[in-house]
Amino acid sequence: MSTTIRLAQQPEADELLGRSPLAALVGMLLDQQVPMEWAFSGPYTIAVRMGHDDLDAGEIAAYDPEAFVALLSDKPAVHRYPGSMARRVQQLCQYLVEHYDGDPTGIWRDVATGAEVRNRLNALPGFGTQKSQIFLALLGKQYGVQPKGWREAAGAYGDAGSYRSAADITGPESLAKVRAFKQEAKRAAKAAKATPAPTPRTD
């Protein structure tokens, strides 16, 4: 797994994402309540602070929890909520060690269908349905992992030519399009919530 990635918009961080399945998975985990570039640069920051050029699931899983929180909390913090995210990253790595011998490619390697990959992703700590679909779309669109029916299993995130999520970001221009899509979706949801439901007729 080695490809050109532009999710972090930072050369060293993107280079790591392009060659490290675990870094990509951790970046996806961190991608909530912070800008995408911040989330996906997190794996590189963690690796550097651990003194390595990659992440190791076994090492992170066995790391002292308080020390790992401190590692993610050092300025600049890896996430807006470094404490809770440190615990989630460790839980993810512990799950990978237990179920895949620490190798995240086991989630999708030799799996026949996109639905099965999505279901395996959905079982990961910190991954819900939406995050699993986005990561499946990312695997298919940018990493060449394309089991049968992967686009369908990824839902709208798998659509070709869409700009909905991290799966569609290949540079600053596409990042701006994805950000605009998210802002419009948020605005529409807010407007729908503010619109009162029609009063049922009684005649």
Protein backbone atom coordinates (compact mmCIF):
# COMPACT_ATOMS: atom_id res chain seq x y z
CA MET A 1 0.00 0.00 0.00
CA SER A 2 1.78 3.10 -1.24
CA THR A 3 0.04 5.93 -3.01
CA THR A 4 0.05 9.71 -3.28
CA ILE A 5 -2.21 11.18 -0.62
CA ARG A 6 -3.09 14.83 0.00
CA LEU A 7 -5.34 14.60 3.04
CA ALA A 8 -3.09 16.33 5.56
CA GLN A 9 -1.90 18.98 3.09
CA GLN A 10 1.52 18.51 4.69
CA PRO A 11 4.17 16.55 2.71
CA GLU A 12 5.64 14.44 5.53
CA ALA A 13 2.24 13.59 6.99
CA ASP A 14 0.77 12.76 3.59
CA GLU A 15 3.77 10.60 2.71
CA LEU A 16 3.13 8.54 5.85
CA LEU A 17 -0.57 8.22 5.02
CA GLY A 18 0.36 6.99 1.56
CA ARG A 19 2.49 4.10 2.80
CA SER A 20 1.03 3.22 6.19
CA PRO A 21 -2.39 1.54 6.46
CA LEU A 22 -2.40 2.10 10.22
CA ALA A 23 -1.68 5.82 9.80
CA ALA A 24 -4.61 6.10 7.38
CA LEU A 25 -6.89 4.25 9.79
CA VAL A 26 -5.83 6.40 12.76
CA GLY A 27 -6.28 9.55 10.68
CA MET A 28 -9.83 8.46 9.88
CA LEU A 29 -10.47 7.80 13.56
CA LEU A 30 -9.25 11.31 14.47
CA ASP A 31 -11.38 12.92 11.75
CA GLN A 32 -14.15 14.36 13.88
CA GLN A 33 -14.70 17.76 15.47
CA VAL A 34 -11.48 19.10 13.95
CA PRO A 35 -10.50 20.18 10.41
CA MET A 36 -9.60 17.21 8.20
CA GLU A 37 -6.02 18.39 7.69
CA TRP A 38 -5.50 18.49 11.46
CA ALA A 39 -6.94 14.99 11.88
CA PHE A 40 -4.90 13.39 9.12
CA SER A 41 -1.64 15.02 10.19
CA GLY A 42 -2.15 13.41 13.62
CA PRO A 43 -0.63 10.00 12.76
CA TYR A 44 2.62 11.65 11.64
CA THR A 45 2.78 13.73 14.83
CA ILE A 46 2.23 10.60 16.94
CA ALA A 47 4.91 8.66 15.05
CA VAL A 48 7.46 11.47 15.44
CA ARG A 49 6.76 11.82 19.16
CA MET A 50 7.21 8.07 19.58
CA GLY A 51 10.55 8.33 17.80
CA HIS A 52 9.56 6.37 14.69
CA ASP A 53 8.79 6.91 11.02
CA ASP A 54 5.61 4.80 11.20
CA LEU A 55 2.99 3.65 13.69
CA ASP A 56 3.05 0.20 15.26
CA ALA A 57 -0.26 -1.17 16.56
CA GLY A 58 1.42 -3.46 19.08
CA GLU A 59 3.52 -0.69 20.57
CA ILE A 60 0.60 1.72 20.83
CA ALA A 61 -1.66 -0.97 22.30
CA ALA A 62 0.88 -1.69 25.05
CA TYR A 63 1.79 1.96 25.73
CA ASP A 64 1.16 3.30 29.22
CA PRO A 65 -2.28 4.97 28.91
CA GLU A 66 -1.38 8.10 30.89
CA ALA A 67 1.85 8.53 28.97
CA PHE A 68 -0.02 8.14 25.69
CA VAL A 69 -2.51 10.82 26.71
CA ALA A 70 0.42 13.10 27.53
CA LEU A 71 2.02 12.31 24.17
CA LEU A 72 -1.10 13.41 22.29
CA SER A 73 -1.66 16.40 24.60
CA ASP A 74 1.76 18.01 24.14
CA LYS A 75 1.56 21.29 22.27
CA PRO A 76 0.50 21.42 19.55
CA ALA A 77 -2.09 18.84 20.59
CA VAL A 78 -2.88 16.04 18.15
CA HIS A 79 -6.61 16.71 18.52
CA ARG A 80 -9.01 19.15 20.17
CA TYR A 81 -9.79 16.35 22.65
CA PRO A 82 -6.41 14.63 23.03
CA GLY A 83 -7.34 12.66 26.14
CA SER A 84 -10.40 10.91 24.74
CA MET A 85 -8.75 10.45 21.36
CA ALA A 86 -5.64 8.90 22.93
CA ARG A 87 -7.89 6.30 24.53
CA ARG A 88 -9.69 5.65 21.25
CA VAL A 89 -6.44 5.23 19.31
CA GLN A 90 -5.21 2.74 21.91
CA GLN A 91 -8.51 0.85 21.83
CA LEU A 92 -8.31 0.69 18.04
CA CYS A 93 -4.75 -0.66 18.15
CA GLN A 94 -5.63 -3.18 20.86
CA TYR A 95 -8.49 -4.44 18.69
CA LEU A 96 -6.16 -4.73 15.68
CA VAL A 97 -3.65 -6.71 17.75
CA GLU A 98 -6.34 -9.05 19.04
CA HIS A 99 -8.17 -9.63 15.74
CA TYR A 100 -5.60 -8.96 12.99
CA ASP A 101 -2.20 -9.53 14.62
CA GLY A 102 -1.70 -5.77 14.54
CA ASP A 103 -1.95 -5.58 10.74
CA PRO A 104 -4.85 -3.37 9.59
CA THR A 105 -4.62 -4.67 6.01
CA GLY A 106 -6.18 -7.85 7.39
CA ILE A 107 -9.44 -5.93 7.48
CA TRP A 108 -9.62 -5.81 3.69
CA ARG A 109 -6.97 -8.19 2.35
CA ASP A 110 -8.53 -11.11 0.43
CA VAL A 111 -12.05 -10.02 1.38
CA ALA A 112 -14.52 -10.74 -1.41
CA THR A 113 -17.07 -7.95 -0.99
CA GLY A 114 -17.22 -4.29 -0.08
CA ALA A 115 -20.05 -5.03 2.33
CA GLU A 116 -17.80 -7.37 4.33
CA VAL A 117 -15.01 -4.77 4.48
CA ARG A 118 -17.54 -2.17 5.64
CA ASN A 119 -18.83 -4.52 8.32
CA ARG A 120 -15.30 -5.21 9.55
CA LEU A 121 -14.57 -1.49 9.67
CA ASN A 122 -17.82 -0.91 11.52
CA ALA A 123 -16.68 -3.33 14.23
CA LEU A 124 -13.58 -1.22 14.97
CA PRO A 125 -13.61 0.89 18.16
CA GLY A 126 -14.49 4.47 17.28
CA PHE A 127 -15.91 3.60 13.86
CA GLY A 128 -19.63 4.01 13.20
CA THR A 129 -21.48 3.39 9.95
CA GLN A 130 -20.62 6.76 8.39
CA LYS A 131 -16.92 6.61 9.25
CA SER A 132 -16.76 3.03 7.96
CA GLN A 133 -18.36 4.01 4.66
CA ILE A 134 -16.05 6.98 4.23
CA PHE A 135 -12.96 4.87 4.89
CA LEU A 136 -14.20 2.18 2.51
CA ALA A 137 -14.66 4.90 -0.14
CA LEU A 138 -11.16 6.19 0.63
CA LEU A 139 -9.71 2.70 0.18
CA GLY A 140 -11.50 2.29 -3.14
CA LYS A 141 -10.89 5.75 -4.58
CA GLN A 142 -7.31 6.38 -3.47
CA TYR A 143 -5.68 3.14 -2.29
CA GLY A 144 -6.87 0.76 -5.02
CA VAL A 145 -8.71 -1.53 -2.59
CA GLN A 146 -11.81 -2.32 -4.63
CA PRO A 147 -13.63 -5.50 -3.60
CA LYS A 148 -16.85 -6.35 -5.39
CA GLY A 149 -19.61 -3.83 -4.66
CA TRP A 150 -17.39 -1.42 -2.75
CA ARG A 151 -19.07 1.69 -4.15
CA GLU A 152 -22.52 0.45 -3.18
CA ALA A 153 -21.30 -0.57 0.29
CA ALA A 154 -19.81 2.90 0.78
CA GLY A 155 -23.18 4.51 0.04
CA ALA A 156 -23.11 8.05 -1.40
CA TYR A 157 -19.45 8.36 -0.33
CA GLY A 158 -18.57 5.81 -3.01
CA ASP A 159 -20.11 7.83 -5.85
CA ALA A 160 -17.69 8.70 -8.62
CA GLY A 161 -17.05 12.41 -9.06
CA SER A 162 -18.51 13.35 -5.69
CA TYR A 163 -17.00 15.76 -3.18
CA ARG A 164 -18.53 14.56 0.07
CA SER A 165 -15.70 13.39 2.33
CA ALA A 166 -12.03 12.72 2.93
CA ALA A 167 -12.29 10.00 0.28
CA ASP A 168 -12.56 12.71 -2.39
CA ILE A 169 -9.69 14.96 -1.32
CA THR A 170 -6.72 14.95 -3.67
CA GLY A 171 -5.50 18.52 -3.18
CA PRO A 172 -6.48 22.04 -2.08
CA GLU A 173 -9.17 22.44 -4.76
CA SER A 174 -11.03 19.23 -3.88
CA LEU A 175 -10.60 20.01 -0.17
CA ALA A 176 -12.40 23.32 -0.74
CA LYS A 177 -15.21 21.51 -2.61
CA VAL A 178 -15.65 18.95 0.17
CA ARG A 179 -15.65 21.69 2.78
CA ALA A 180 -18.30 23.61 0.81
CA PHE A 181 -20.43 20.46 0.53
CA LYS A 182 -20.22 19.86 4.29
CA GLN A 183 -21.12 23.46 5.09
CA GLU A 184 -24.13 23.35 2.75
CA ALA A 185 -25.29 20.05 4.26
CA LYS A 186 -24.98 21.52 7.74
CA ARG A 187 -26.87 24.65 6.68
CA ALA A 188 -29.66 22.56 5.12
CA ALA A 189 -29.96 20.38 8.22
CA LYS A 190 -30.13 23.45 10.44
CA ALA A 191 -32.81 25.01 8.22
CA ALA A 192 -34.85 21.81 8.25
CA LYS A 193 -34.63 21.65 12.03
CA ALA A 194 -35.79 25.27 12.34
CA THR A 195 -38.82 24.77 10.09
CA PRO A 196 -41.86 23.94 12.21
CA ALA A 197 -43.83 20.84 11.31
CA PRO A 198 -47.15 21.60 9.59
CA THR A 199 -50.18 21.63 11.86
CA PRO A 200 -52.37 18.62 11.07
CA ARG A 201 -55.80 19.48 9.66
CA THR A 202 -58.79 18.71 11.83
CA ASP A 203 -61.56 19.14 9.25
